Amino acid sequence: MTMHPTVLSLRGATKRFGGLVAVNALDFDVHENQVLGLIGPNGSGKSTTLNLISGALPATDGEIVLRDRDITRLPPQAIARLGVARTFQLVRLLPSMSVLENVMAGAVFGHRRRWGRAAETHARKMLDRVGMGRKLHLGIGQLTYIDTKRVELARALAGEPRVLLLDEWLAGLNPTELEEGVALIRSLRDDGRTIVLVEHVMDAIRSLCDTCVVMAQGTKIAEGTPEAVLSDREVIRAYLGDDDA
């Protein structure tokens, strides 16, 4: 198996909040066209890691490199322009705007910026891509939960990011929606996109991820294929406690 070029590298990435070390000297690489799963129990530092990559939080120490560019100290809008887009655990859409307008905002502010008619055409294409092409004039308040997630995903895709960060995108979906959601993310991966996902749904991790980085208490405790890490005794112990390992 040939290794694709490295798109994103974390070296010693650390985030402290006062005396609490939320992310502790984290190292990993994300390769082009790869889906990397960031997994671990609640409170292990996964979302904080996404916040460091996207610039929502400044790193206390270490470095984060996107292709050959050090993005460690850049503000979020600069990182978005360089090609990092994300979705959030709690969907963040603009309720005063239609589905189409929300996605157009992604085209305007993302990596490849488009304006006016070009932004609208591209936004329509992205909404088609996530199965929302027939609902583009609806208001956000008229949407089901999974449809709000689809719109947020379309908005992230509209900037044509080099790296897509998905923060528990599958959380809260019913079994049918979950199946549709996994199929949608798999199809994005098949398009050749590079994705980092924070996820708790193990079936999704197994079917989507090439590599998993497992965190516990802010520290990386394992890295490898889903099969390898999910059978690792230290990982099982981190998830289930000492008694079950």
C-alpha atoms as a PDB file:
ATOM      1  CA  MET A   1       0.000   0.000   0.000  1.00  0.00           C
ATOM      2  CA  THR A   2       1.490   3.318  -1.076  1.00  0.00           C
ATOM      3  CA  MET A   3       1.408   6.053   1.535  1.00  0.00           C
ATOM      4  CA  HIS A   4      -0.246   9.240   0.326  1.00  0.00           C
ATOM      5  CA  PRO A   5       1.401  12.605   1.039  1.00  0.00           C
ATOM      6  CA  THR A   6       0.974  14.028   4.527  1.00  0.00           C
ATOM      7  CA  VAL A   7      -1.656  16.783   4.626  1.00  0.00           C
ATOM      8  CA  LEU A   8      -1.740  17.509   8.350  1.00  0.00           C
ATOM      9  CA  SER A   9       0.845  16.917  11.094  1.00  0.00           C
ATOM     10  CA  LEU A  10       0.598  17.415  14.838  1.00  0.00           C
ATOM     11  CA  ARG A  11       3.861  17.409  16.785  1.00  0.00           C
ATOM     12  CA  GLY A  12       3.728  17.762  20.548  1.00  0.00           C
ATOM     13  CA  ALA A  13       0.371  19.548  20.309  1.00  0.00           C
ATOM     14  CA  THR A  14      -0.576  20.570  23.845  1.00  0.00           C
ATOM     15  CA  LYS A  15      -3.439  22.534  25.376  1.00  0.00           C
ATOM     16  CA  ARG A  16      -3.481  23.552  29.024  1.00  0.00           C
ATOM     17  CA  PHE A  17      -6.349  25.268  30.800  1.00  0.00           C
ATOM     18  CA  GLY A  18      -4.682  26.516  33.968  1.00  0.00           C
ATOM     19  CA  GLY A  19      -3.462  23.349  35.724  1.00  0.00           C
ATOM     20  CA  LEU A  20      -5.499  21.002  33.515  1.00  0.00           C
ATOM     21  CA  VAL A  21      -3.728  19.456  30.523  1.00  0.00           C
ATOM     22  CA  ALA A  22      -6.581  18.798  28.073  1.00  0.00           C
ATOM     23  CA  VAL A  23      -4.292  17.674  25.223  1.00  0.00           C
ATOM     24  CA  ASN A  24      -0.872  16.382  26.132  1.00  0.00           C
ATOM     25  CA  ALA A  25       1.999  16.339  23.572  1.00  0.00           C
ATOM     26  CA  LEU A  26      -0.106  14.793  20.815  1.00  0.00           C
ATOM     27  CA  ASP A  27       1.613  13.492  17.659  1.00  0.00           C
ATOM     28  CA  PHE A  28      -0.093  12.150  14.551  1.00  0.00           C
ATOM     29  CA  ASP A  29      -0.143  12.573  10.771  1.00  0.00           C
ATOM     30  CA  VAL A  30      -3.115  12.636   8.426  1.00  0.00           C
ATOM     31  CA  HIS A  31      -2.446  11.535   4.860  1.00  0.00           C
ATOM     32  CA  GLU A  32      -4.207  12.661   1.728  1.00  0.00           C
ATOM     33  CA  ASN A  33      -7.433  10.743   0.917  1.00  0.00           C
ATOM     34  CA  GLN A  34      -7.370   9.159   4.382  1.00  0.00           C
ATOM     35  CA  VAL A  35     -10.092   9.002   7.017  1.00  0.00           C
ATOM     36  CA  LEU A  36      -8.520   9.275  10.450  1.00  0.00           C
ATOM     37  CA  GLY A  37     -10.734   8.546  13.448  1.00  0.00           C
ATOM     38  CA  LEU A  38     -10.048  10.318  16.728  1.00  0.00           C
ATOM     39  CA  ILE A  39     -11.611   8.154  19.396  1.00  0.00           C
ATOM     40  CA  GLY A  40     -11.587   7.749  23.163  1.00  0.00           C
ATOM     41  CA  PRO A  41     -13.850   8.088  26.191  1.00  0.00           C
ATOM     42  CA  ASN A  42     -15.667  11.342  26.979  1.00  0.00           C
ATOM     43  CA  GLY A  43     -13.349  14.070  28.206  1.00  0.00           C
ATOM     44  CA  SER A  44     -10.257  12.563  26.579  1.00  0.00           C
ATOM     45  CA  GLY A  45      -9.447  15.724  24.570  1.00  0.00           C
ATOM     46  CA  LYS A  46     -10.807  14.841  21.125  1.00  0.00           C
ATOM     47  CA  SER A  47     -12.895  17.960  20.482  1.00  0.00           C
ATOM     48  CA  THR A  48     -10.144  20.109  21.999  1.00  0.00           C
ATOM     49  CA  THR A  49      -7.772  18.579  19.424  1.00  0.00           C
ATOM     50  CA  LEU A  50     -10.140  19.585  16.609  1.00  0.00           C
ATOM     51  CA  ASN A  51     -10.277  23.071  18.149  1.00  0.00           C
ATOM     52  CA  LEU A  52      -6.477  23.264  18.027  1.00  0.00           C
ATOM     53  CA  ILE A  53      -6.408  22.174  14.361  1.00  0.00           C
ATOM     54  CA  SER A  54      -9.156  24.610  13.330  1.00  0.00           C
ATOM     55  CA  GLY A  55      -7.687  27.481  15.356  1.00  0.00           C
ATOM     56  CA  ALA A  56     -10.741  27.837  17.621  1.00  0.00           C
ATOM     57  CA  LEU A  57      -8.281  27.420  20.517  1.00  0.00           C
ATOM     58  CA  PRO A  58      -4.599  28.404  20.470  1.00  0.00           C
ATOM     59  CA  ALA A  59      -2.166  25.592  21.290  1.00  0.00           C
ATOM     60  CA  THR A  60      -0.150  26.064  24.489  1.00  0.00           C
ATOM     61  CA  ASP A  61       2.763  24.163  22.979  1.00  0.00           C
ATOM     62  CA  GLY A  62       3.802  22.080  19.985  1.00  0.00           C
ATOM     63  CA  GLU A  63       3.136  22.644  16.296  1.00  0.00           C
ATOM     64  CA  ILE A  64       0.443  21.925  13.746  1.00  0.00           C
ATOM     65  CA  VAL A  65       1.395  21.916  10.066  1.00  0.00           C
ATOM     66  CA  LEU A  66      -1.015  21.899   7.107  1.00  0.00           C
ATOM     67  CA  ARG A  67       0.939  20.685   4.090  1.00  0.00           C
ATOM     68  CA  ASP A  68       4.123  22.736   4.576  1.00  0.00           C
ATOM     69  CA  ARG A  69       2.522  25.656   6.363  1.00  0.00           C
ATOM     70  CA  ASP A  70       2.740  26.101  10.145  1.00  0.00           C
ATOM     71  CA  ILE A  71      -0.824  26.961  11.214  1.00  0.00           C
ATOM     72  CA  THR A  72      -0.269  26.682  14.991  1.00  0.00           C
ATOM     73  CA  ARG A  73      -0.701  30.380  15.745  1.00  0.00           C
ATOM     74  CA  LEU A  74      -3.121  31.363  12.987  1.00  0.00           C
ATOM     75  CA  PRO A  75      -6.680  32.591  13.679  1.00  0.00           C
ATOM     76  CA  PRO A  76      -9.587  30.335  12.619  1.00  0.00           C
ATOM     77  CA  GLN A  77     -10.532  32.375   9.541  1.00  0.00           C
ATOM     78  CA  ALA A  78      -6.960  32.128   8.195  1.00  0.00           C
ATOM     79  CA  ILE A  79      -6.928  28.350   8.770  1.00  0.00           C
ATOM     80  CA  ALA A  80     -10.310  28.030   6.999  1.00  0.00           C
ATOM     81  CA  ARG A  81      -8.883  29.929   4.029  1.00  0.00           C
ATOM     82  CA  LEU A  82      -5.912  27.555   3.926  1.00  0.00           C
ATOM     83  CA  GLY A  83      -8.313  24.631   3.610  1.00  0.00           C
ATOM     84  CA  VAL A  84      -9.567  23.302   6.962  1.00  0.00           C
ATOM     85  CA  ALA A  85     -13.354  23.084   7.412  1.00  0.00           C
ATOM     86  CA  ARG A  86     -15.314  21.593  10.278  1.00  0.00           C
ATOM     87  CA  THR A  87     -18.707  20.666  11.611  1.00  0.00           C
ATOM     88  CA  PHE A  88     -19.601  20.983  15.285  1.00  0.00           C
ATOM     89  CA  GLN A  89     -21.115  18.690  17.936  1.00  0.00           C
ATOM     90  CA  LEU A  90     -23.956  21.186  18.231  1.00  0.00           C
ATOM     91  CA  VAL A  91     -24.986  22.190  14.721  1.00  0.00           C
ATOM     92  CA  ARG A  92     -24.211  25.859  14.089  1.00  0.00           C
ATOM     93  CA  LEU A  93     -26.371  27.202  11.297  1.00  0.00           C
ATOM     94  CA  LEU A  94     -27.669  30.735  10.703  1.00  0.00           C
ATOM     95  CA  PRO A  95     -31.409  30.498  11.497  1.00  0.00           C
ATOM     96  CA  SER A  96     -32.330  33.738   9.710  1.00  0.00           C
ATOM     97  CA  MET A  97     -31.005  32.380   6.401  1.00  0.00           C
ATOM     98  CA  SER A  98     -32.325  29.689   4.053  1.00  0.00           C
ATOM     99  CA  VAL A  99     -30.607  26.347   3.486  1.00  0.00           C
ATOM    100  CA  LEU A 100     -29.073  27.683   0.261  1.00  0.00           C
ATOM    101  CA  GLU A 101     -27.854  30.921   1.877  1.00  0.00           C
ATOM    102  CA  ASN A 102     -26.200  28.988   4.723  1.00  0.00           C
ATOM    103  CA  VAL A 103     -24.234  26.914   2.228  1.00  0.00           C
ATOM    104  CA  MET A 104     -23.367  29.952   0.107  1.00  0.00           C
ATOM    105  CA  ALA A 105     -21.733  31.404   3.231  1.00  0.00           C
ATOM    106  CA  GLY A 106     -19.380  28.409   3.189  1.00  0.00           C
ATOM    107  CA  ALA A 107     -18.508  29.083  -0.451  1.00  0.00           C
ATOM    108  CA  VAL A 108     -17.722  32.732   0.323  1.00  0.00           C
ATOM    109  CA  PHE A 109     -15.584  32.144   3.431  1.00  0.00           C
ATOM    110  CA  GLY A 110     -13.897  28.835   2.625  1.00  0.00           C
ATOM    111  CA  HIS A 111     -10.645  27.730   1.022  1.00  0.00           C
ATOM    112  CA  ARG A 112     -11.710  28.365  -2.582  1.00  0.00           C
ATOM    113  CA  ARG A 113     -13.808  31.488  -2.364  1.00  0.00           C
ATOM    114  CA  ARG A 114     -16.708  32.075  -4.708  1.00  0.00           C
ATOM    115  CA  TRP A 115     -19.055  35.051  -4.894  1.00  0.00           C
ATOM    116  CA  GLY A 116     -22.486  35.840  -6.320  1.00  0.00           C
ATOM    117  CA  ARG A 117     -23.782  33.489  -9.003  1.00  0.00           C
ATOM    118  CA  ALA A 118     -20.702  31.242  -8.786  1.00  0.00           C
ATOM    119  CA  ALA A 119     -21.235  30.806  -5.021  1.00  0.00           C
ATOM    120  CA  GLU A 120     -24.917  29.961  -5.546  1.00  0.00           C
ATOM    121  CA  THR A 121     -24.201  27.424  -8.306  1.00  0.00           C
ATOM    122  CA  HIS A 122     -21.545  25.739  -6.190  1.00  0.00           C
ATOM    123  CA  ALA A 123     -23.778  25.753  -3.068  1.00  0.00           C
ATOM    124  CA  ARG A 124     -26.571  24.061  -5.042  1.00  0.00           C
ATOM    125  CA  LYS A 125     -24.108  21.417  -6.195  1.00  0.00           C
ATOM    126  CA  MET A 126     -22.968  20.734  -2.615  1.00  0.00           C
ATOM    127  CA  LEU A 127     -26.577  20.480  -1.408  1.00  0.00           C
ATOM    128  CA  ASP A 128     -27.254  17.938  -4.164  1.00  0.00           C
ATOM    129  CA  ARG A 129     -24.147  16.092  -3.025  1.00  0.00           C
ATOM    130  CA  VAL A 130     -25.512  15.627   0.516  1.00  0.00           C
ATOM    131  CA  GLY A 131     -29.081  14.843  -0.594  1.00  0.00           C
ATOM    132  CA  MET A 132     -30.589  18.280   0.155  1.00  0.00           C
ATOM    133  CA  GLY A 133     -31.061  19.572  -3.397  1.00  0.00           C
ATOM    134  CA  ARG A 134     -34.864  19.687  -3.095  1.00  0.00           C
ATOM    135  CA  LYS A 135     -34.893  21.557   0.206  1.00  0.00           C
ATOM    136  CA  LEU A 136     -32.620  24.461  -0.586  1.00  0.00           C
ATOM    137  CA  HIS A 137     -35.238  27.203  -0.121  1.00  0.00           C
ATOM    138  CA  LEU A 138     -36.463  25.947   3.253  1.00  0.00           C
ATOM    139  CA  GLY A 139     -35.704  27.797   6.462  1.00  0.00           C
ATOM    140  CA  ILE A 140     -33.424  26.114   8.998  1.00  0.00           C
ATOM    141  CA  GLY A 141     -36.340  25.838  11.470  1.00  0.00           C
ATOM    142  CA  GLN A 142     -38.251  23.627   9.024  1.00  0.00           C
ATOM    143  CA  LEU A 143     -35.582  20.926   8.870  1.00  0.00           C
ATOM    144  CA  THR A 144     -35.299  17.560  10.588  1.00  0.00           C
ATOM    145  CA  TYR A 145     -32.218  16.937  12.741  1.00  0.00           C
ATOM    146  CA  ILE A 146     -30.322  14.919  10.128  1.00  0.00           C
ATOM    147  CA  ASP A 147     -31.121  17.542   7.491  1.00  0.00           C
ATOM    148  CA  THR A 148     -29.552  20.290   9.630  1.00  0.00           C
ATOM    149  CA  LYS A 149     -26.462  18.082   9.803  1.00  0.00           C
ATOM    150  CA  ARG A 150     -26.495  17.629   6.024  1.00  0.00           C
ATOM    151  CA  VAL A 151     -26.689  21.403   5.551  1.00  0.00           C
ATOM    152  CA  GLU A 152     -23.769  21.961   7.916  1.00  0.00           C
ATOM    153  CA  LEU A 153     -21.780  19.345   6.008  1.00  0.00           C
ATOM    154  CA  ALA A 154     -22.648  20.974   2.672  1.00  0.00           C
ATOM    155  CA  ARG A 155     -21.526  24.337   4.065  1.00  0.00           C
ATOM    156  CA  ALA A 156     -18.194  22.840   5.171  1.00  0.00           C
ATOM    157  CA  LEU A 157     -17.748  21.218   1.738  1.00  0.00           C
ATOM    158  CA  ALA A 158     -18.632  24.429  -0.103  1.00  0.00           C
ATOM    159  CA  GLY A 159     -15.209  25.909   0.672  1.00  0.00           C
ATOM    160  CA  GLU A 160     -13.551  22.869  -0.964  1.00  0.00           C
ATOM    161  CA  PRO A 161     -11.422  22.102   2.087  1.00  0.00           C
ATOM    162  CA  ARG A 162      -8.219  20.102   1.964  1.00  0.00           C
ATOM    163  CA  VAL A 163      -9.098  18.631   5.360  1.00  0.00           C
ATOM    164  CA  LEU A 164     -12.618  18.126   6.686  1.00  0.00           C
ATOM    165  CA  LEU A 165     -13.045  17.864  10.475  1.00  0.00           C
ATOM    166  CA  LEU A 166     -16.242  16.104  11.582  1.00  0.00           C
ATOM    167  CA  ASP A 167     -17.014  16.449  15.293  1.00  0.00           C
ATOM    168  CA  GLU A 168     -19.461  13.638  16.161  1.00  0.00           C
ATOM    169  CA  TRP A 169     -21.395  14.279  12.966  1.00  0.00           C
ATOM    170  CA  LEU A 170     -23.268  10.981  13.418  1.00  0.00           C
ATOM    171  CA  ALA A 171     -24.316  11.644  17.034  1.00  0.00           C
ATOM    172  CA  GLY A 172     -28.033  11.664  17.795  1.00  0.00           C
ATOM    173  CA  LEU A 173     -29.155   9.973  14.570  1.00  0.00           C
ATOM    174  CA  ASN A 174     -31.684   7.148  14.612  1.00  0.00           C
ATOM    175  CA  PRO A 175     -30.596   3.790  13.099  1.00  0.00           C
ATOM    176  CA  THR A 176     -31.896   4.572   9.580  1.00  0.00           C
ATOM    177  CA  GLU A 177     -30.339   8.046   9.579  1.00  0.00           C
ATOM    178  CA  LEU A 178     -27.106   6.576  10.916  1.00  0.00           C
ATOM    179  CA  GLU A 179     -26.928   4.191   7.976  1.00  0.00           C
ATOM    180  CA  GLU A 180     -27.519   7.100   5.571  1.00  0.00           C
ATOM    181  CA  GLY A 181     -24.943   9.233   7.398  1.00  0.00           C
ATOM    182  CA  VAL A 182     -22.244   6.552   7.250  1.00  0.00           C
ATOM    183  CA  ALA A 183     -22.948   6.015   3.540  1.00  0.00           C
ATOM    184  CA  LEU A 184     -22.658   9.767   2.935  1.00  0.00           C
ATOM    185  CA  ILE A 185     -19.301  10.064   4.735  1.00  0.00           C
ATOM    186  CA  ARG A 186     -18.056   6.946   2.936  1.00  0.00           C
ATOM    187  CA  SER A 187     -18.995   8.517  -0.399  1.00  0.00           C
ATOM    188  CA  LEU A 188     -17.028  11.667   0.515  1.00  0.00           C
ATOM    189  CA  ARG A 189     -14.054   9.485   1.289  1.00  0.00           C
ATOM    190  CA  ASP A 190     -14.508   7.745  -2.088  1.00  0.00           C
ATOM    191  CA  ASP A 191     -14.360  11.205  -3.697  1.00  0.00           C
ATOM    192  CA  GLY A 192     -10.780  11.354  -2.409  1.00  0.00           C
ATOM    193  CA  ARG A 193     -11.381  13.744   0.478  1.00  0.00           C
ATOM    194  CA  THR A 194      -9.221  13.853   3.601  1.00  0.00           C
ATOM    195  CA  ILE A 195     -11.285  13.553   6.779  1.00  0.00           C
ATOM    196  CA  VAL A 196     -10.581  13.619  10.515  1.00  0.00           C
ATOM    197  CA  LEU A 197     -13.584  12.459  12.488  1.00  0.00           C
ATOM    198  CA  VAL A 198     -14.290  12.402  16.200  1.00  0.00           C
ATOM    199  CA  GLU A 199     -16.820   9.650  16.717  1.00  0.00           C
ATOM    200  CA  HIS A 200     -18.325   7.335  19.337  1.00  0.00           C
ATOM    201  CA  VAL A 201     -20.241   5.057  16.975  1.00  0.00           C
ATOM    202  CA  MET A 202     -17.956   2.027  16.751  1.00  0.00           C
ATOM    203  CA  ASP A 203     -19.607   0.504  13.670  1.00  0.00           C
ATOM    204  CA  ALA A 204     -18.974   3.784  11.862  1.00  0.00           C
ATOM    205  CA  ILE A 205     -15.347   3.830  13.045  1.00  0.00           C
ATOM    206  CA  ARG A 206     -14.829   0.294  11.756  1.00  0.00           C
ATOM    207  CA  SER A 207     -16.402   0.916   8.369  1.00  0.00           C
ATOM    208  CA  LEU A 208     -15.059   4.412   7.649  1.00  0.00           C
ATOM    209  CA  CYS A 209     -11.593   4.828   9.172  1.00  0.00           C
ATOM    210  CA  ASP A 210      -8.244   3.865   7.679  1.00  0.00           C
ATOM    211  CA  THR A 211      -6.458   4.765  10.906  1.00  0.00           C
ATOM    212  CA  CYS A 212      -7.539   5.502  14.469  1.00  0.00           C
ATOM    213  CA  VAL A 213      -5.804   7.611  17.072  1.00  0.00           C
ATOM    214  CA  VAL A 214      -7.062   6.712  20.551  1.00  0.00           C
ATOM    215  CA  MET A 215      -6.938   9.333  23.291  1.00  0.00           C
ATOM    216  CA  ALA A 216      -7.386   8.959  27.027  1.00  0.00           C
ATOM    217  CA  GLN A 217      -7.018  11.863  29.465  1.00  0.00           C
ATOM    218  CA  GLY A 218      -5.492  14.068  26.787  1.00  0.00           C
ATOM    219  CA  THR A 219      -2.796  11.579  25.739  1.00  0.00           C
ATOM    220  CA  LYS A 220      -2.511   9.308  22.701  1.00  0.00           C
ATOM    221  CA  ILE A 221      -2.590   5.710  23.969  1.00  0.00           C
ATOM    222  CA  ALA A 222      -2.820   3.848  20.651  1.00  0.00           C
ATOM    223  CA  GLU A 223      -2.698   4.347  16.895  1.00  0.00           C
ATOM    224  CA  GLY A 224      -3.384   1.920  14.073  1.00  0.00           C
ATOM    225  CA  THR A 225      -6.167   0.309  12.061  1.00  0.00           C
ATOM    226  CA  PRO A 226      -9.623   0.178  13.722  1.00  0.00           C
ATOM    227  CA  GLU A 227      -9.278  -3.613  14.129  1.00  0.00           C
ATOM    228  CA  ALA A 228      -5.907  -3.306  15.856  1.00  0.00           C
ATOM    229  CA  VAL A 229      -6.743  -0.467  18.240  1.00  0.00           C
ATOM    230  CA  LEU A 230     -10.177  -1.749  19.222  1.00  0.00           C
ATOM    231  CA  SER A 231      -8.685  -5.056  20.324  1.00  0.00           C
ATOM    232  CA  ASP A 232      -5.825  -3.356  22.238  1.00  0.00           C
ATOM    233  CA  ARG A 233      -6.051  -4.090  25.982  1.00  0.00           C
ATOM    234  CA  GLU A 234      -5.099  -0.551  26.975  1.00  0.00           C
ATOM    235  CA  VAL A 235      -7.820   0.859  24.728  1.00  0.00           C
ATOM    236  CA  ILE A 236     -10.424  -1.550  26.140  1.00  0.00           C
ATOM    237  CA  ARG A 237      -9.324  -0.561  29.646  1.00  0.00           C
ATOM    238  CA  ALA A 238      -9.637   3.148  28.815  1.00  0.00           C
ATOM    239  CA  TYR A 239     -13.193   2.636  27.541  1.00  0.00           C
ATOM    240  CA  LEU A 240     -14.464   0.063  30.013  1.00  0.00           C
ATOM    241  CA  GLY A 241     -12.345   0.498  33.154  1.00  0.00           C
ATOM    242  CA  ASP A 242      -9.863  -1.927  34.709  1.00  0.00           C
ATOM    243  CA  ASP A 243     -12.439  -4.524  35.740  1.00  0.00           C
ATOM    244  CA  ASP A 244     -13.486  -5.350  32.205  1.00  0.00           C
ATOM    245  CA  ALA A 245     -10.115  -5.244  30.452  1.00  0.00           C
END
